[in-house]
Amino acid sequence: MINSALQFTGDVLDQFLRNRFGLDESKVIMNRLIETNGSIPAANSNKVIISLINIEKETAKPFSSRGARSADGSFVDIRPSERYNLDVLISSNFDDYSETLKFLNASILFFQVNPVLEGRSFPGIPQDLSKLEFEIEKMTYHQMQSLWTAMGAKYQPSVIYKARLITIQGAQIQGFTAQVNQTSNESKQA
């Protein structure tokens, strides 16, 4: 689910950038900023990079039942789905600094114009996603510095968005409850 959400986001952002600047080649990549050995991935050169930096469980729970009716009329007991928010870093890494800013600006414009990605506007959205809602995360200079330091990377012009409500449902059956076919209204007389 997480991979398909980020991949879809990257694909539609890439198409937006290609259309906006008349490009033939892809400019968006989903990747880490730093390899485990501390080097910068070569694939990130002259690209807009989408990186997952945090996953947060949504604690506001909608009313839901654990049971679902099966074909034979019984009820299947499954755990309720869980919802998550993803903190996504969009960074721009181009050799020419003006290109870096141009692509970062266009990426911000994309999310300003498309704060919600859903099937009506983006028919290619994966079936396991109903929609993705994006909201910019406000970070102070010190928070941003701490983030880049924790990642072990040198700062690049970037912005963070929260992708809201990614639903995960394992659909693991935990039990069955038989269908009730009859009720009794007999009362006991004393």
Protein backbone atom coordinates (compact mmCIF):
# COMPACT_ATOMS: atom_id res chain seq x y z
CA MET A 1 0.00 0.00 0.00
CA ILE A 2 2.74 2.46 0.96
CA ASN A 3 4.79 1.66 -2.13
CA SER A 4 1.81 1.97 -4.47
CA ALA A 5 0.79 5.31 -2.88
CA LEU A 6 4.27 6.79 -3.28
CA GLN A 7 4.79 5.31 -6.75
CA PHE A 8 1.46 6.69 -7.96
CA THR A 9 2.27 10.11 -6.48
CA GLY A 10 5.63 10.07 -8.25
CA ASP A 11 4.07 9.04 -11.55
CA VAL A 12 1.45 11.82 -11.60
CA LEU A 13 3.97 14.43 -10.39
CA ASP A 14 6.38 13.31 -13.11
CA GLN A 15 3.69 13.58 -15.79
CA PHE A 16 2.84 17.09 -14.56
CA LEU A 17 6.49 18.16 -14.76
CA ARG A 18 6.97 16.58 -18.18
CA ASN A 19 3.90 18.38 -19.52
CA ARG A 20 4.82 21.69 -17.89
CA PHE A 21 8.38 21.77 -19.23
CA GLY A 22 7.91 19.77 -22.46
CA LEU A 23 10.26 16.97 -21.38
CA ASP A 24 10.72 13.55 -22.95
CA GLU A 25 12.53 11.99 -20.00
CA SER A 26 11.35 11.28 -16.47
CA LYS A 27 12.42 13.74 -13.78
CA VAL A 28 10.85 12.16 -10.67
CA ILE A 29 12.27 9.20 -8.81
CA MET A 30 11.20 7.48 -5.60
CA ASN A 31 14.45 6.85 -3.74
CA ARG A 32 16.46 7.36 -0.58
CA LEU A 33 18.68 10.41 -0.32
CA ILE A 34 21.72 8.58 1.04
CA GLU A 35 22.96 5.05 0.49
CA THR A 36 23.85 2.95 3.53
CA ASN A 37 27.53 3.60 2.81
CA GLY A 38 26.94 7.39 2.99
CA SER A 39 27.16 8.12 -0.72
CA ILE A 40 24.52 9.92 -2.78
CA PRO A 41 22.71 7.55 -5.16
CA ALA A 42 23.74 8.24 -8.75
CA ALA A 43 20.10 7.82 -9.82
CA ASN A 44 19.20 11.00 -7.88
CA SER A 45 21.26 13.27 -10.12
CA ASN A 46 19.12 15.88 -11.91
CA LYS A 47 15.90 14.52 -10.43
CA VAL A 48 13.08 15.37 -8.06
CA ILE A 49 13.30 12.74 -5.31
CA ILE A 50 10.34 11.41 -3.34
CA SER A 51 11.38 9.88 0.01
CA LEU A 52 9.29 8.48 2.84
CA ILE A 53 10.53 10.01 6.10
CA ASN A 54 7.85 8.99 8.62
CA ILE A 55 4.74 6.87 9.07
CA GLU A 56 2.15 7.88 11.62
CA LYS A 57 -0.91 5.84 12.62
CA GLU A 58 -4.17 7.80 12.47
CA THR A 59 -5.71 7.55 15.93
CA ALA A 60 -9.17 8.92 15.12
CA LYS A 61 -11.13 5.75 14.47
CA PRO A 62 -14.37 5.74 12.52
CA PHE A 63 -17.19 3.50 13.73
CA SER A 64 -16.72 0.12 12.17
CA SER A 65 -17.81 -3.42 12.71
CA ARG A 66 -15.39 -6.29 12.78
CA GLY A 67 -17.85 -8.56 11.03
CA ALA A 68 -18.51 -8.89 7.33
CA ARG A 69 -21.24 -11.06 5.80
CA SER A 70 -19.97 -13.98 3.75
CA ALA A 71 -21.72 -15.66 0.78
CA ASP A 72 -23.33 -18.36 2.97
CA GLY A 73 -24.90 -15.79 5.31
CA SER A 74 -22.49 -16.27 8.21
CA PHE A 75 -20.31 -13.47 9.50
CA VAL A 76 -16.55 -13.38 9.14
CA ASP A 77 -14.61 -11.75 11.98
CA ILE A 78 -11.75 -9.61 10.65
CA ARG A 79 -9.73 -6.89 12.28
CA PRO A 80 -10.80 -3.37 11.35
CA SER A 81 -8.63 -1.59 8.83
CA GLU A 82 -6.00 0.82 10.07
CA ARG A 83 -5.24 4.23 8.63
CA TYR A 84 -1.84 5.85 8.33
CA ASN A 85 -0.41 9.22 7.38
CA LEU A 86 2.86 9.33 5.46
CA ASP A 87 5.36 12.18 5.73
CA VAL A 88 6.84 12.51 2.27
CA LEU A 89 9.95 14.57 1.48
CA ILE A 90 10.07 16.10 -2.00
CA SER A 91 13.62 17.24 -2.70
CA SER A 92 15.13 18.71 -5.84
CA ASN A 93 18.67 17.72 -6.86
CA PHE A 94 19.94 19.32 -10.08
CA ASP A 95 23.46 20.34 -11.09
CA ASP A 96 22.20 23.83 -11.93
CA TYR A 97 20.79 25.54 -8.81
CA SER A 98 18.22 27.51 -10.84
CA GLU A 99 16.93 24.18 -12.23
CA THR A 100 16.75 22.86 -8.67
CA LEU A 101 14.52 25.76 -7.66
CA LYS A 102 12.47 25.60 -10.88
CA PHE A 103 11.59 21.94 -10.35
CA LEU A 104 10.92 22.38 -6.63
CA ASN A 105 8.62 25.32 -7.40
CA ALA A 106 6.74 23.27 -10.01
CA SER A 107 6.40 20.37 -7.55
CA ILE A 108 4.88 22.70 -4.95
CA LEU A 109 2.56 24.05 -7.64
CA PHE A 110 1.44 20.50 -8.47
CA PHE A 111 0.38 19.82 -4.86
CA GLN A 112 -1.24 23.26 -4.58
CA VAL A 113 -3.35 22.53 -7.67
CA ASN A 114 -3.93 18.87 -6.71
CA PRO A 115 -4.26 18.60 -2.91
CA VAL A 116 -6.32 15.43 -3.40
CA LEU A 117 -5.49 12.63 -5.82
CA GLU A 118 -8.56 10.49 -6.48
CA GLY A 119 -10.10 8.40 -9.22
CA ARG A 120 -12.27 11.15 -10.72
CA SER A 121 -9.24 13.27 -11.64
CA PHE A 122 -6.62 10.53 -11.85
CA PRO A 123 -8.17 7.36 -13.30
CA GLY A 124 -4.90 5.43 -12.94
CA ILE A 125 -5.02 5.47 -9.13
CA PRO A 126 -4.31 1.98 -7.73
CA GLN A 127 -7.42 0.03 -6.76
CA ASP A 128 -6.25 -0.34 -3.16
CA LEU A 129 -6.31 3.48 -2.77
CA SER A 130 -9.51 5.50 -2.77
CA LYS A 131 -7.72 8.84 -2.57
CA LEU A 132 -4.61 10.56 -1.30
CA GLU A 133 -4.86 13.91 0.48
CA PHE A 134 -1.75 16.10 0.67
CA GLU A 135 -1.06 18.84 3.15
CA ILE A 136 2.20 20.77 3.43
CA GLU A 137 4.02 20.29 6.72
CA LYS A 138 5.31 23.42 8.37
CA MET A 139 8.81 22.94 9.74
CA THR A 140 11.15 25.40 11.37
CA TYR A 141 14.72 25.85 10.20
CA HIS A 142 15.96 23.87 13.23
CA GLN A 143 13.53 21.00 12.64
CA MET A 144 14.58 20.80 9.00
CA GLN A 145 18.25 20.88 9.99
CA SER A 146 17.65 18.07 12.49
CA LEU A 147 15.86 16.00 9.86
CA TRP A 148 18.64 16.30 7.29
CA THR A 149 21.26 15.59 9.95
CA ALA A 150 19.36 12.48 11.09
CA MET A 151 19.26 11.26 7.48
CA GLY A 152 23.02 11.83 7.19
CA ALA A 153 22.57 13.99 4.11
CA LYS A 154 23.55 17.48 3.05
CA TYR A 155 20.57 19.80 2.77
CA GLN A 156 18.85 20.09 -0.59
CA PRO A 157 15.95 22.43 -1.37
CA SER A 158 12.89 20.48 -0.31
CA VAL A 159 9.37 20.47 1.05
CA ILE A 160 7.49 17.96 3.22
CA TYR A 161 3.91 16.87 2.63
CA LYS A 162 1.68 14.72 4.79
CA ALA A 163 -0.18 12.16 2.69
CA ARG A 164 -3.30 11.49 4.74
CA LEU A 165 -5.23 8.33 5.41
CA ILE A 166 -3.56 5.44 3.70
CA THR A 167 -5.83 2.49 4.63
CA ILE A 168 -4.30 -0.89 5.32
CA GLN A 169 -6.48 -3.99 5.63
CA GLY A 170 -4.93 -7.42 5.89
CA ALA A 171 -8.33 -9.19 5.57
CA GLN A 172 -7.07 -12.01 7.77
CA ILE A 173 -10.05 -14.02 8.96
CA GLN A 174 -10.06 -14.49 12.72
CA GLY A 175 -13.24 -16.51 13.07
CA PHE A 176 -16.76 -17.19 11.87
CA THR A 177 -20.13 -16.52 13.48
CA ALA A 178 -23.09 -18.55 12.24
CA GLN A 179 -26.13 -16.84 10.82
CA VAL A 180 -29.19 -16.69 13.12
CA ASN A 181 -32.07 -18.37 11.33
CA GLN A 182 -34.80 -18.45 14.00
CA THR A 183 -35.84 -16.49 17.02
CA SER A 184 -38.00 -17.70 19.86
CA ASN A 185 -40.59 -15.57 21.59
CA GLU A 186 -41.61 -18.21 24.06
CA SER A 187 -42.01 -16.85 27.52
CA LYS A 188 -41.78 -18.88 30.68
CA GLN A 189 -44.82 -18.90 32.88
CA ALA A 190 -44.42 -19.24 36.57
